[in-house]
Amino acid sequence: MSLVSSQGNAYGIAGATKVTIKKARASSPGDNKLDASTLSIAHGGDRVYEDGLVDNGPQGSANGGIVVTVAVEFLGAPSMSAGETATFSGVVCKCIDVETTNEAGALVRGVANYTSDFPAE
């Protein structure tokens, strides 16, 4: 069984009950200037800005600067595993983790998280 949304989008993930897709602008390496001003600045003087530590976080270069993150909620045993890829909204995403919840008297349920911003192997 695969999930088909009310908009007609099909997701070939067995047991899927909900798919949440988020698209966000990636951080830019040049956006890490930090205020390094001290109390020694003269009255009316300019603040001093220095480069912060390099941020090796999401760059989104493969998708025009947009990072796609996806959460797939499912029932039953997961049909996906970390490291597998799937396509959401035309963007290839890699599964970064799968979490399952087992409760007494309830169905096994879980969530798999995907991202489009992953290094090439």
PDB file of N, CA and C in Angstrom:
ATOM      1  N   MET A   1       0.849  -1.176   0.000  1.00  0.00           N
ATOM      2  CA  MET A   1       0.000   0.000   0.000  1.00  0.00           C
ATOM      3  C   MET A   1       0.887   1.230   0.000  1.00  0.00           C
ATOM      4  N   SER A   2       0.646   2.144  -0.898  1.00  0.00           N
ATOM      5  CA  SER A   2       1.393   3.396  -0.897  1.00  0.00           C
ATOM      6  C   SER A   2       0.420   4.542  -0.659  1.00  0.00           C
ATOM      7  N   LEU A   3       0.959   5.636  -0.168  1.00  0.00           N
ATOM      8  CA  LEU A   3       0.147   6.798   0.154  1.00  0.00           C
ATOM      9  C   LEU A   3      -0.081   7.638  -1.086  1.00  0.00           C
ATOM     10  N   VAL A   4      -1.331   8.023  -1.335  1.00  0.00           N
ATOM     11  CA  VAL A   4      -1.662   8.972  -2.390  1.00  0.00           C
ATOM     12  C   VAL A   4      -2.369  10.134  -1.714  1.00  0.00           C
ATOM     13  N   SER A   5      -1.790  11.338  -1.833  1.00  0.00           N
ATOM     14  CA  SER A   5      -2.362  12.504  -1.160  1.00  0.00           C
ATOM     15  C   SER A   5      -3.633  12.960  -1.859  1.00  0.00           C
ATOM     16  N   SER A   6      -4.373  13.851  -1.204  1.00  0.00           N
ATOM     17  CA  SER A   6      -5.613  14.368  -1.781  1.00  0.00           C
ATOM     18  C   SER A   6      -5.334  15.189  -3.042  1.00  0.00           C
ATOM     19  N   GLN A   7      -4.083  15.624  -3.233  1.00  0.00           N
ATOM     20  CA  GLN A   7      -3.702  16.353  -4.436  1.00  0.00           C
ATOM     21  C   GLN A   7      -3.249  15.408  -5.551  1.00  0.00           C
ATOM     22  N   GLY A   8      -3.257  14.101  -5.280  1.00  0.00           N
ATOM     23  CA  GLY A   8      -2.882  13.121  -6.289  1.00  0.00           C
ATOM     24  C   GLY A   8      -1.413  12.759  -6.311  1.00  0.00           C
ATOM     25  N   ASN A   9      -0.625  13.216  -5.320  1.00  0.00           N
ATOM     26  CA  ASN A   9       0.795  12.866  -5.263  1.00  0.00           C
ATOM     27  C   ASN A   9       0.946  11.472  -4.674  1.00  0.00           C
ATOM     28  N   ALA A  10       1.659  10.604  -5.384  1.00  0.00           N
ATOM     29  CA  ALA A  10       1.841   9.229  -4.924  1.00  0.00           C
ATOM     30  C   ALA A  10       3.215   9.068  -4.289  1.00  0.00           C
ATOM     31  N   TYR A  11       3.249   8.428  -3.141  1.00  0.00           N
ATOM     32  CA  TYR A  11       4.495   8.133  -2.448  1.00  0.00           C
ATOM     33  C   TYR A  11       4.541   6.624  -2.262  1.00  0.00           C
ATOM     34  N   GLY A  12       5.529   5.974  -2.875  1.00  0.00           N
ATOM     35  CA  GLY A  12       5.610   4.524  -2.856  1.00  0.00           C
ATOM     36  C   GLY A  12       6.214   3.973  -1.584  1.00  0.00           C
ATOM     37  N   ILE A  13       5.734   4.419  -0.450  1.00  0.00           N
ATOM     38  CA  ILE A  13       6.254   3.965   0.829  1.00  0.00           C
ATOM     39  C   ILE A  13       5.146   3.193   1.538  1.00  0.00           C
ATOM     40  N   ALA A  14       5.399   1.908   1.760  1.00  0.00           N
ATOM     41  CA  ALA A  14       4.387   1.044   2.363  1.00  0.00           C
ATOM     42  C   ALA A  14       4.025   1.529   3.763  1.00  0.00           C
ATOM     43  N   GLY A  15       2.737   1.555   4.062  1.00  0.00           N
ATOM     44  CA  GLY A  15       2.253   1.913   5.389  1.00  0.00           C
ATOM     45  C   GLY A  15       2.271   3.395   5.693  1.00  0.00           C
ATOM     46  N   ALA A  16       2.642   4.244   4.725  1.00  0.00           N
ATOM     47  CA  ALA A  16       2.710   5.685   4.978  1.00  0.00           C
ATOM     48  C   ALA A  16       1.329   6.239   5.291  1.00  0.00           C
ATOM     49  N   THR A  17       1.265   7.080   6.307  1.00  0.00           N
ATOM     50  CA  THR A  17       0.003   7.722   6.675  1.00  0.00           C
ATOM     51  C   THR A  17       0.052   9.229   6.496  1.00  0.00           C
ATOM     52  N   LYS A  18       1.257   9.799   6.486  1.00  0.00           N
ATOM     53  CA  LYS A  18       1.392  11.250   6.352  1.00  0.00           C
ATOM     54  C   LYS A  18       2.788  11.573   5.830  1.00  0.00           C
ATOM     55  N   VAL A  19       2.859  12.496   4.871  1.00  0.00           N
ATOM     56  CA  VAL A  19       4.139  12.956   4.337  1.00  0.00           C
ATOM     57  C   VAL A  19       4.169  14.473   4.474  1.00  0.00           C
ATOM     58  N   THR A  20       5.196  14.988   5.160  1.00  0.00           N
ATOM     59  CA  THR A  20       5.363  16.428   5.336  1.00  0.00           C
ATOM     60  C   THR A  20       6.623  16.841   4.594  1.00  0.00           C
ATOM     61  N   ILE A  21       6.487  17.795   3.652  1.00  0.00           N
ATOM     62  CA  ILE A  21       7.619  18.258   2.859  1.00  0.00           C
ATOM     63  C   ILE A  21       7.877  19.727   3.171  1.00  0.00           C
ATOM     64  N   LYS A  22       9.126  20.046   3.514  1.00  0.00           N
ATOM     65  CA  LYS A  22       9.515  21.424   3.817  1.00  0.00           C
ATOM     66  C   LYS A  22      10.630  21.835   2.869  1.00  0.00           C
ATOM     67  N   LYS A  23      10.478  22.996   2.239  1.00  0.00           N
ATOM     68  CA  LYS A  23      11.517  23.541   1.371  1.00  0.00           C
ATOM     69  C   LYS A  23      11.984  24.845   1.989  1.00  0.00           C
ATOM     70  N   ALA A  24      13.299  24.969   2.218  1.00  0.00           N
ATOM     71  CA  ALA A  24      13.851  26.163   2.840  1.00  0.00           C
ATOM     72  C   ALA A  24      15.149  26.567   2.166  1.00  0.00           C
ATOM     73  N   ARG A  25      15.422  27.853   2.183  1.00  0.00           N
ATOM     74  CA  ARG A  25      16.665  28.355   1.625  1.00  0.00           C
ATOM     75  C   ARG A  25      17.810  27.888   2.505  1.00  0.00           C
ATOM     76  N   ALA A  26      18.867  27.386   1.884  1.00  0.00           N
ATOM     77  CA  ALA A  26      20.026  26.893   2.618  1.00  0.00           C
ATOM     78  C   ALA A  26      20.817  28.055   3.193  1.00  0.00           C
ATOM     79  N   SER A  27      21.572  27.788   4.237  1.00  0.00           N
ATOM     80  CA  SER A  27      22.433  28.814   4.805  1.00  0.00           C
ATOM     81  C   SER A  27      23.575  29.098   3.848  1.00  0.00           C
ATOM     82  N   SER A  28      24.065  30.294   3.860  1.00  0.00           N
ATOM     83  CA  SER A  28      25.172  30.681   2.991  1.00  0.00           C
ATOM     84  C   SER A  28      26.441  30.779   3.817  1.00  0.00           C
ATOM     85  N   PRO A  29      27.556  30.266   3.316  1.00  0.00           N
ATOM     86  CA  PRO A  29      28.802  30.328   4.080  1.00  0.00           C
ATOM     87  C   PRO A  29      29.231  31.753   4.403  1.00  0.00           C
ATOM     88  N   GLY A  30      28.791  32.747   3.634  1.00  0.00           N
ATOM     89  CA  GLY A  30      29.174  34.131   3.878  1.00  0.00           C
ATOM     90  C   GLY A  30      28.330  34.824   4.922  1.00  0.00           C
ATOM     91  N   ASP A  31      27.343  34.140   5.474  1.00  0.00           N
ATOM     92  CA  ASP A  31      26.422  34.760   6.426  1.00  0.00           C
ATOM     93  C   ASP A  31      26.847  34.576   7.874  1.00  0.00           C
ATOM     94  N   ASN A  32      28.119  34.286   8.131  1.00  0.00           N
ATOM     95  CA  ASN A  32      28.519  33.984   9.502  1.00  0.00           C
ATOM     96  C   ASN A  32      29.411  35.062  10.107  1.00  0.00           C
ATOM     97  N   LYS A  33      29.199  36.329   9.732  1.00  0.00           N
ATOM     98  CA  LYS A  33      29.944  37.438  10.334  1.00  0.00           C
ATOM     99  C   LYS A  33      29.416  37.655  11.752  1.00  0.00           C
ATOM    100  N   LEU A  34      30.361  37.805  12.684  1.00  0.00           N
ATOM    101  CA  LEU A  34      29.994  37.996  14.081  1.00  0.00           C
ATOM    102  C   LEU A  34      30.495  39.348  14.573  1.00  0.00           C
ATOM    103  N   ASP A  35      29.725  39.967  15.458  1.00  0.00           N
ATOM    104  CA  ASP A  35      30.111  41.249  16.040  1.00  0.00           C
ATOM    105  C   ASP A  35      31.244  41.007  17.031  1.00  0.00           C
ATOM    106  N   ALA A  36      32.437  41.529  16.728  1.00  0.00           N
ATOM    107  CA  ALA A  36      33.607  41.360  17.591  1.00  0.00           C
ATOM    108  C   ALA A  36      33.986  42.678  18.257  1.00  0.00           C
ATOM    109  N   SER A  37      33.033  43.597  18.347  1.00  0.00           N
ATOM    110  CA  SER A  37      33.296  44.903  18.934  1.00  0.00           C
ATOM    111  C   SER A  37      33.578  44.786  20.422  1.00  0.00           C
ATOM    112  N   THR A  38      34.457  45.663  20.914  1.00  0.00           N
ATOM    113  CA  THR A  38      34.767  45.702  22.345  1.00  0.00           C
ATOM    114  C   THR A  38      34.408  47.070  22.899  1.00  0.00           C
ATOM    115  N   LEU A  39      34.552  47.246  24.185  1.00  0.00           N
ATOM    116  CA  LEU A  39      34.240  48.520  24.829  1.00  0.00           C
ATOM    117  C   LEU A  39      35.242  49.616  24.466  1.00  0.00           C
ATOM    118  N   SER A  40      36.303  49.259  23.754  1.00  0.00           N
ATOM    119  CA  SER A  40      37.312  50.255  23.382  1.00  0.00           C
ATOM    120  C   SER A  40      36.925  51.067  22.148  1.00  0.00           C
ATOM    121  N   ILE A  41      35.766  50.812  21.565  1.00  0.00           N
ATOM    122  CA  ILE A  41      35.319  51.584  20.398  1.00  0.00           C
ATOM    123  C   ILE A  41      35.049  53.022  20.861  1.00  0.00           C
ATOM    124  N   ALA A  42      35.589  53.952  20.116  1.00  0.00           N
ATOM    125  CA  ALA A  42      35.359  55.363  20.434  1.00  0.00           C
ATOM    126  C   ALA A  42      33.896  55.708  20.201  1.00  0.00           C
ATOM    127  N   HIS A  43      33.430  56.743  20.913  1.00  0.00           N
ATOM    128  CA  HIS A  43      32.044  57.192  20.748  1.00  0.00           C
ATOM    129  C   HIS A  43      31.796  57.514  19.271  1.00  0.00           C
ATOM    130  N   GLY A  44      30.761  56.913  18.691  1.00  0.00           N
ATOM    131  CA  GLY A  44      30.433  57.127  17.290  1.00  0.00           C
ATOM    132  C   GLY A  44      31.267  56.282  16.339  1.00  0.00           C
ATOM    133  N   GLY A  45      32.145  55.424  16.883  1.00  0.00           N
ATOM    134  CA  GLY A  45      32.991  54.580  16.040  1.00  0.00           C
ATOM    135  C   GLY A  45      32.213  53.427  15.419  1.00  0.00           C
ATOM    136  N   ASP A  46      32.828  52.774  14.468  1.00  0.00           N
ATOM    137  CA  ASP A  46      32.201  51.650  13.770  1.00  0.00           C
ATOM    138  C   ASP A  46      32.422  50.347  14.527  1.00  0.00           C
ATOM    139  N   ARG A  47      31.435  49.500  14.477  1.00  0.00           N
ATOM    140  CA  ARG A  47      31.563  48.168  15.068  1.00  0.00           C
ATOM    141  C   ARG A  47      32.514  47.340  14.218  1.00  0.00           C
ATOM    142  N   VAL A  48      33.094  46.313  14.814  1.00  0.00           N
ATOM    143  CA  VAL A  48      34.035  45.425  14.127  1.00  0.00           C
ATOM    144  C   VAL A  48      33.359  44.073  13.930  1.00  0.00           C
ATOM    145  N   TYR A  49      33.420  43.559  12.702  1.00  0.00           N
ATOM    146  CA  TYR A  49      32.830  42.259  12.396  1.00  0.00           C
ATOM    147  C   TYR A  49      33.910  41.320  11.896  1.00  0.00           C
ATOM    148  N   GLU A  50      33.909  40.111  12.405  1.00  0.00           N
ATOM    149  CA  GLU A  50      34.888  39.090  12.042  1.00  0.00           C
ATOM    150  C   GLU A  50      34.157  37.869  11.489  1.00  0.00           C
ATOM    151  N   ASP A  51      34.882  37.081  10.676  1.00  0.00           N
ATOM    152  CA  ASP A  51      34.318  35.818  10.204  1.00  0.00           C
ATOM    153  C   ASP A  51      34.204  34.858  11.371  1.00  0.00           C
ATOM    154  N   GLY A  52      33.084  34.186  11.472  1.00  0.00           N
ATOM    155  CA  GLY A  52      32.902  33.165  12.494  1.00  0.00           C
ATOM    156  C   GLY A  52      33.493  31.847  12.023  1.00  0.00           C
ATOM    157  N   LEU A  53      33.279  30.813  12.790  1.00  0.00           N
ATOM    158  CA  LEU A  53      33.744  29.491  12.392  1.00  0.00           C
ATOM    159  C   LEU A  53      33.027  29.051  11.127  1.00  0.00           C
ATOM    160  N   VAL A  54      33.687  28.260  10.329  1.00  0.00           N
ATOM    161  CA  VAL A  54      33.091  27.767   9.089  1.00  0.00           C
ATOM    162  C   VAL A  54      31.892  26.893   9.430  1.00  0.00           C
ATOM    163  N   ASP A  55      30.763  27.170   8.758  1.00  0.00           N
ATOM    164  CA  ASP A  55      29.548  26.382   8.955  1.00  0.00           C
ATOM    165  C   ASP A  55      29.465  25.362   7.836  1.00  0.00           C
ATOM    166  N   ASN A  56      29.677  24.100   8.173  1.00  0.00           N
ATOM    167  CA  ASN A  56      29.614  23.046   7.162  1.00  0.00           C
ATOM    168  C   ASN A  56      28.208  22.478   7.028  1.00  0.00           C
ATOM    169  N   GLY A  57      27.234  23.265   7.403  1.00  0.00           N
ATOM    170  CA  GLY A  57      25.845  22.828   7.336  1.00  0.00           C
ATOM    171  C   GLY A  57      25.309  22.833   5.923  1.00  0.00           C
ATOM    172  N   PRO A  58      23.983  22.809   5.769  1.00  0.00           N
ATOM    173  CA  PRO A  58      23.360  22.694   4.461  1.00  0.00           C
ATOM    174  C   PRO A  58      23.753  23.797   3.495  1.00  0.00           C
ATOM    175  N   GLN A  59      24.078  23.419   2.287  1.00  0.00           N
ATOM    176  CA  GLN A  59      24.384  24.383   1.237  1.00  0.00           C
ATOM    177  C   GLN A  59      23.326  24.355   0.138  1.00  0.00           C
ATOM    178  N   GLY A  60      22.666  23.208  -0.061  1.00  0.00           N
ATOM    179  CA  GLY A  60      21.591  23.124  -1.036  1.00  0.00           C
ATOM    180  C   GLY A  60      22.015  23.387  -2.469  1.00  0.00           C
ATOM    181  N   SER A  61      23.300  23.208  -2.788  1.00  0.00           N
ATOM    182  CA  SER A  61      23.798  23.545  -4.116  1.00  0.00           C
ATOM    183  C   SER A  61      23.187  22.678  -5.208  1.00  0.00           C
ATOM    184  N   ALA A  62      22.811  21.463  -4.866  1.00  0.00           N
ATOM    185  CA  ALA A  62      22.275  20.556  -5.877  1.00  0.00           C
ATOM    186  C   ALA A  62      20.844  20.910  -6.266  1.00  0.00           C
ATOM    187  N   ASN A  63      20.180  21.764  -5.506  1.00  0.00           N
ATOM    188  CA  ASN A  63      18.784  22.069  -5.781  1.00  0.00           C
ATOM    189  C   ASN A  63      18.544  23.572  -5.811  1.00  0.00           C
ATOM    190  N   GLY A  64      19.460  24.327  -6.392  1.00  0.00           N
ATOM    191  CA  GLY A  64      19.285  25.766  -6.531  1.00  0.00           C
ATOM    192  C   GLY A  64      19.259  26.510  -5.213  1.00  0.00           C
ATOM    193  N   GLY A  65      19.960  26.018  -4.198  1.00  0.00           N
ATOM    194  CA  GLY A  65      20.000  26.692  -2.913  1.00  0.00           C
ATOM    195  C   GLY A  65      18.837  26.345  -1.999  1.00  0.00           C
ATOM    196  N   ILE A  66      17.979  25.437  -2.401  1.00  0.00           N
ATOM    197  CA  ILE A  66      16.830  25.033  -1.590  1.00  0.00           C
ATOM    198  C   ILE A  66      17.111  23.655  -0.991  1.00  0.00           C
ATOM    199  N   VAL A  67      16.910  23.531   0.308  1.00  0.00           N
ATOM    200  CA  VAL A  67      17.046  22.245   0.985  1.00  0.00           C
ATOM    201  C   VAL A  67      15.645  21.702   1.239  1.00  0.00           C
ATOM    202  N   VAL A  68      15.414  20.471   0.821  1.00  0.00           N
ATOM    203  CA  VAL A  68      14.120  19.814   1.027  1.00  0.00           C
ATOM    204  C   VAL A  68      14.276  18.825   2.174  1.00  0.00           C
ATOM    205  N   THR A  69      13.420  18.946   3.181  1.00  0.00           N
ATOM    206  CA  THR A  69      13.386  17.964   4.260  1.00  0.00           C
ATOM    207  C   THR A  69      11.997  17.351   4.288  1.00  0.00           C
ATOM    208  N   VAL A  70      11.955  16.048   4.507  1.00  0.00           N
ATOM    209  CA  VAL A  70      10.698  15.304   4.438  1.00  0.00           C
ATOM    210  C   VAL A  70      10.578  14.407   5.665  1.00  0.00           C
ATOM    211  N   ALA A  71       9.380  14.363   6.243  1.00  0.00           N
ATOM    212  CA  ALA A  71       9.074  13.434   7.333  1.00  0.00           C
ATOM    213  C   ALA A  71       7.935  12.545   6.859  1.00  0.00           C
ATOM    214  N   VAL A  72       8.149  11.244   6.894  1.00  0.00           N
ATOM    215  CA  VAL A  72       7.125  10.281   6.478  1.00  0.00           C
ATOM    216  C   VAL A  72       6.690   9.500   7.706  1.00  0.00           C
ATOM    217  N   GLU A  73       5.428   9.672   8.102  1.00  0.00           N
ATOM    218  CA  GLU A  73       4.886   8.916   9.216  1.00  0.00           C
ATOM    219  C   GLU A  73       4.274   7.637   8.652  1.00  0.00           C
ATOM    220  N   PHE A  74       4.427   6.525   9.374  1.00  0.00           N
ATOM    221  CA  PHE A  74       3.930   5.252   8.860  1.00  0.00           C
ATOM    222  C   PHE A  74       3.413   4.381   9.993  1.00  0.00           C
ATOM    223  N   LEU A  75       2.652   3.353   9.610  1.00  0.00           N
ATOM    224  CA  LEU A  75       2.170   2.330  10.533  1.00  0.00           C
ATOM    225  C   LEU A  75       2.833   1.012  10.165  1.00  0.00           C
ATOM    226  N   GLY A  76       3.125   0.200  11.171  1.00  0.00           N
ATOM    227  CA  GLY A  76       3.727  -1.107  10.929  1.00  0.00           C
ATOM    228  C   GLY A  76       5.233  -1.020  10.848  1.00  0.00           C
ATOM    229  N   ALA A  77       5.839  -2.127  10.466  1.00  0.00           N
ATOM    230  CA  ALA A  77       7.295  -2.175  10.336  1.00  0.00           C
ATOM    231  C   ALA A  77       7.729  -1.234   9.219  1.00  0.00           C
ATOM    232  N   PRO A  78       8.844  -0.535   9.400  1.00  0.00           N
ATOM    233  CA  PRO A  78       9.274   0.407   8.365  1.00  0.00           C
ATOM    234  C   PRO A  78       9.676  -0.312   7.083  1.00  0.00           C
ATOM    235  N   SER A  79       9.283   0.266   5.939  1.00  0.00           N
ATOM    236  CA  SER A  79       9.667  -0.299   4.644  1.00  0.00           C
ATOM    237  C   SER A  79      10.887   0.421   4.087  1.00  0.00           C
ATOM    238  N   MET A  80      11.407   1.381   4.858  1.00  0.00           N
ATOM    239  CA  MET A  80      12.577   2.130   4.431  1.00  0.00           C
ATOM    240  C   MET A  80      13.663   2.006   5.492  1.00  0.00           C
ATOM    241  N   SER A  81      14.898   2.324   5.109  1.00  0.00           N
ATOM    242  CA  SER A  81      15.987   2.299   6.083  1.00  0.00           C
ATOM    243  C   SER A  81      16.928   3.458   5.799  1.00  0.00           C
ATOM    244  N   ALA A  82      17.693   3.827   6.805  1.00  0.00           N
ATOM    245  CA  ALA A  82      18.632   4.941   6.658  1.00  0.00           C
ATOM    246  C   ALA A  82      19.583   4.669   5.505  1.00  0.00           C
ATOM    247  N   GLY A  83      19.804   5.684   4.694  1.00  0.00           N
ATOM    248  CA  GLY A  83      20.698   5.561   3.548  1.00  0.00           C
ATOM    249  C   GLY A  83      19.980   5.380   2.225  1.00  0.00           C
ATOM    250  N   GLU A  84      18.724   4.934   2.262  1.00  0.00           N
ATOM    251  CA  GLU A  84      17.967   4.761   1.017  1.00  0.00           C
ATOM    252  C   GLU A  84      17.535   6.125   0.484  1.00  0.00           C
ATOM    253  N   THR A  85      17.318   6.213  -0.817  1.00  0.00           N
ATOM    254  CA  THR A  85      16.858   7.457  -1.409  1.00  0.00           C
ATOM    255  C   THR A  85      15.430   7.312  -1.926  1.00  0.00           C
ATOM    256  N   ALA A  86      14.725   8.428  -1.975  1.00  0.00           N
ATOM    257  CA  ALA A  86      13.371   8.495  -2.515  1.00  0.00           C
ATOM    258  C   ALA A  86      13.203   9.875  -3.135  1.00  0.00           C
ATOM    259  N   THR A  87      12.276  10.019  -4.051  1.00  0.00           N
ATOM    260  CA  THR A  87      12.037  11.293  -4.717  1.00  0.00           C
ATOM    261  C   THR A  87      10.753  11.916  -4.196  1.00  0.00           C
ATOM    262  N   PHE A  88      10.856  13.155  -3.742  1.00  0.00           N
ATOM    263  CA  PHE A  88       9.708  13.915  -3.251  1.00  0.00           C
ATOM    264  C   PHE A  88       9.673  15.247  -3.987  1.00  0.00           C
ATOM    265  N   SER A  89       8.538  15.577  -4.583  1.00  0.00           N
ATOM    266  CA  SER A  89       8.374  16.822  -5.343  1.00  0.00           C
ATOM    267  C   SER A  89       9.480  16.997  -6.372  1.00  0.00           C
ATOM    268  N   GLY A  90       9.902  15.889  -6.987  1.00  0.00           N
ATOM    269  CA  GLY A  90      10.909  15.934  -8.033  1.00  0.00           C
ATOM    270  C   GLY A  90      12.344  16.061  -7.540  1.00  0.00           C
ATOM    271  N   VAL A  91      12.555  15.959  -6.222  1.00  0.00           N
ATOM    272  CA  VAL A  91      13.899  16.116  -5.650  1.00  0.00           C
ATOM    273  C   VAL A  91      14.299  14.805  -4.974  1.00  0.00           C
ATOM    274  N   VAL A  92      15.513  14.320  -5.276  1.00  0.00           N
ATOM    275  CA  VAL A  92      16.021  13.092  -4.656  1.00  0.00           C
ATOM    276  C   VAL A  92      16.451  13.419  -3.229  1.00  0.00           C
ATOM    277  N   CYS A  93      15.923  12.655  -2.269  1.00  0.00           N
ATOM    278  CA  CYS A  93      16.245  12.843  -0.858  1.00  0.00           C
ATOM    279  C   CYS A  93      16.759  11.526  -0.287  1.00  0.00           C
ATOM    280  N   LYS A  94      17.640  11.630   0.703  1.00  0.00           N
ATOM    281  CA  LYS A  94      18.193  10.442   1.353  1.00  0.00           C
ATOM    282  C   LYS A  94      17.594  10.309   2.746  1.00  0.00           C
ATOM    283  N   CYS A  95      17.249   9.077   3.112  1.00  0.00           N
ATOM    284  CA  CYS A  95      16.715   8.803   4.451  1.00  0.00           C
ATOM    285  C   CYS A  95      17.864   8.912   5.453  1.00  0.00           C
ATOM    286  N   ILE A  96      17.715   9.813   6.429  1.00  0.00           N
ATOM    287  CA  ILE A  96      18.787  10.013   7.399  1.00  0.00           C
ATOM    288  C   ILE A  96      18.536   9.283   8.714  1.00  0.00           C
ATOM    289  N   ASP A  97      17.265   8.971   9.011  1.00  0.00           N
ATOM    290  CA  ASP A  97      16.968   8.160  10.197  1.00  0.00           C
ATOM    291  C   ASP A  97      15.540   7.637  10.145  1.00  0.00           C
ATOM    292  N   VAL A  98      15.338   6.524  10.847  1.00  0.00           N
ATOM    293  CA  VAL A  98      14.011   5.919  10.967  1.00  0.00           C
ATOM    294  C   VAL A  98      13.788   5.631  12.445  1.00  0.00           C
ATOM    295  N   GLU A  99      12.660   6.083  12.955  1.00  0.00           N
ATOM    296  CA  GLU A  99      12.336   5.882  14.369  1.00  0.00           C
ATOM    297  C   GLU A  99      10.996   5.167  14.472  1.00  0.00           C
ATOM    298  N   THR A 100      10.938   4.103  15.269  1.00  0.00           N
ATOM    299  CA  THR A 100       9.673   3.400  15.483  1.00  0.00           C
ATOM    300  C   THR A 100       9.276   3.504  16.947  1.00  0.00           C
ATOM    301  N   THR A 101       7.968   3.479  17.179  1.00  0.00           N
ATOM    302  CA  THR A 101       7.414   3.545  18.530  1.00  0.00           C
ATOM    303  C   THR A 101       6.565   2.302  18.755  1.00  0.00           C
ATOM    304  N   ASN A 102       6.871   1.572  19.817  1.00  0.00           N
ATOM    305  CA  ASN A 102       6.115   0.378  20.180  1.00  0.00           C
ATOM    306  C   ASN A 102       5.446   0.637  21.530  1.00  0.00           C
ATOM    307  N   GLU A 103       4.124   0.611  21.559  1.00  0.00           N
ATOM    308  CA  GLU A 103       3.377   0.830  22.784  1.00  0.00           C
ATOM    309  C   GLU A 103       2.442  -0.340  23.018  1.00  0.00           C
ATOM    310  N   ALA A 104       2.230  -0.664  24.280  1.00  0.00           N
ATOM    311  CA  ALA A 104       1.304  -1.749  24.617  1.00  0.00           C
ATOM    312  C   ALA A 104      -0.093  -1.385  24.129  1.00  0.00           C
ATOM    313  N   GLY A 105      -0.736  -2.321  23.457  1.00  0.00           N
ATOM    314  CA  GLY A 105      -2.111  -2.128  23.003  1.00  0.00           C
ATOM    315  C   GLY A 105      -2.264  -1.184  21.826  1.00  0.00           C
ATOM    316  N   ALA A 106      -1.177  -0.839  21.151  1.00  0.00           N
ATOM    317  CA  ALA A 106      -1.259   0.075  20.021  1.00  0.00           C
ATOM    318  C   ALA A 106      -0.489  -0.487  18.834  1.00  0.00           C
ATOM    319  N   LEU A 107      -0.796   0.023  17.649  1.00  0.00           N
ATOM    320  CA  LEU A 107      -0.071  -0.373  16.447  1.00  0.00           C
ATOM    321  C   LEU A 107       1.332   0.216  16.477  1.00  0.00           C
ATOM    322  N   VAL A 108       2.283  -0.509  15.892  1.00  0.00           N
ATOM    323  CA  VAL A 108       3.630   0.029  15.735  1.00  0.00           C
ATOM    324  C   VAL A 108       3.529   1.196  14.767  1.00  0.00           C
ATOM    325  N   ARG A 109       4.127   2.301  15.139  1.00  0.00           N
ATOM    326  CA  ARG A 109       4.118   3.460  14.250  1.00  0.00           C
ATOM    327  C   ARG A 109       5.509   4.077  14.272  1.00  0.00           C
ATOM    328  N   GLY A 110       5.768   4.917  13.283  1.00  0.00           N
ATOM    329  CA  GLY A 110       7.094   5.517  13.229  1.00  0.00           C
ATOM    330  C   GLY A 110       7.162   6.674  12.273  1.00  0.00           C
ATOM    331  N   VAL A 111       8.374   7.205  12.147  1.00  0.00           N
ATOM    332  CA  VAL A 111       8.635   8.312  11.238  1.00  0.00           C
ATOM    333  C   VAL A 111      10.023   8.109  10.622  1.00  0.00           C
ATOM    334  N   ALA A 112      10.112   8.393   9.333  1.00  0.00           N
ATOM    335  CA  ALA A 112      11.386   8.365   8.609  1.00  0.00           C
ATOM    336  C   ALA A 112      11.659   9.781   8.126  1.00  0.00           C
ATOM    337  N   ASN A 113      12.880  10.258   8.347  1.00  0.00           N
ATOM    338  CA  ASN A 113      13.251  11.610   7.945  1.00  0.00           C
ATOM    339  C   ASN A 113      14.218  11.576   6.777  1.00  0.00           C
ATOM    340  N   TYR A 114      13.957  12.434   5.786  1.00  0.00           N
ATOM    341  CA  TYR A 114      14.752  12.512   4.581  1.00  0.00           C
ATOM    342  C   TYR A 114      15.266  13.939   4.393  1.00  0.00           C
ATOM    343  N   THR A 115      16.383  14.088   3.685  1.00  0.00           N
ATOM    344  CA  THR A 115      16.887  15.407   3.313  1.00  0.00           C
ATOM    345  C   THR A 115      17.482  15.355   1.917  1.00  0.00           C
ATOM    346  N   SER A 116      17.395  16.489   1.219  1.00  0.00           N
ATOM    347  CA  SER A 116      18.005  16.571  -0.117  1.00  0.00           C
ATOM    348  C   SER A 116      19.457  17.007  -0.011  1.00  0.00           C
ATOM    349  N   ASP A 117      19.871  17.461   1.153  1.00  0.00           N
ATOM    350  CA  ASP A 117      21.223  17.990   1.316  1.00  0.00           C
ATOM    351  C   ASP A 117      22.107  16.946   1.974  1.00  0.00           C
ATOM    352  N   PHE A 118      22.673  16.087   1.130  1.00  0.00           N
ATOM    353  CA  PHE A 118      23.559  15.054   1.638  1.00  0.00           C
ATOM    354  C   PHE A 118      24.786  14.983   0.750  1.00  0.00           C
ATOM    355  N   PRO A 119      25.944  14.685   1.336  1.00  0.00           N
ATOM    356  CA  PRO A 119      27.166  14.639   0.522  1.00  0.00           C
ATOM    357  C   PRO A 119      27.169  13.464  -0.435  1.00  0.00           C
ATOM    358  N   ALA A 120      27.809  13.643  -1.569  1.00  0.00           N
ATOM    359  CA  ALA A 120      27.954  12.540  -2.527  1.00  0.00           C
ATOM    360  C   ALA A 120      28.869  11.499  -1.934  1.00  0.00           C
ATOM    361  N   GLU A 121      28.582  10.251  -2.201  1.00  0.00           N
ATOM    362  CA  GLU A 121      29.401   9.163  -1.648  1.00  0.00           C
ATOM    363  C   GLU A 121      30.405   8.677  -2.665  1.00  0.00           C
TER     364      GLU A 121
END
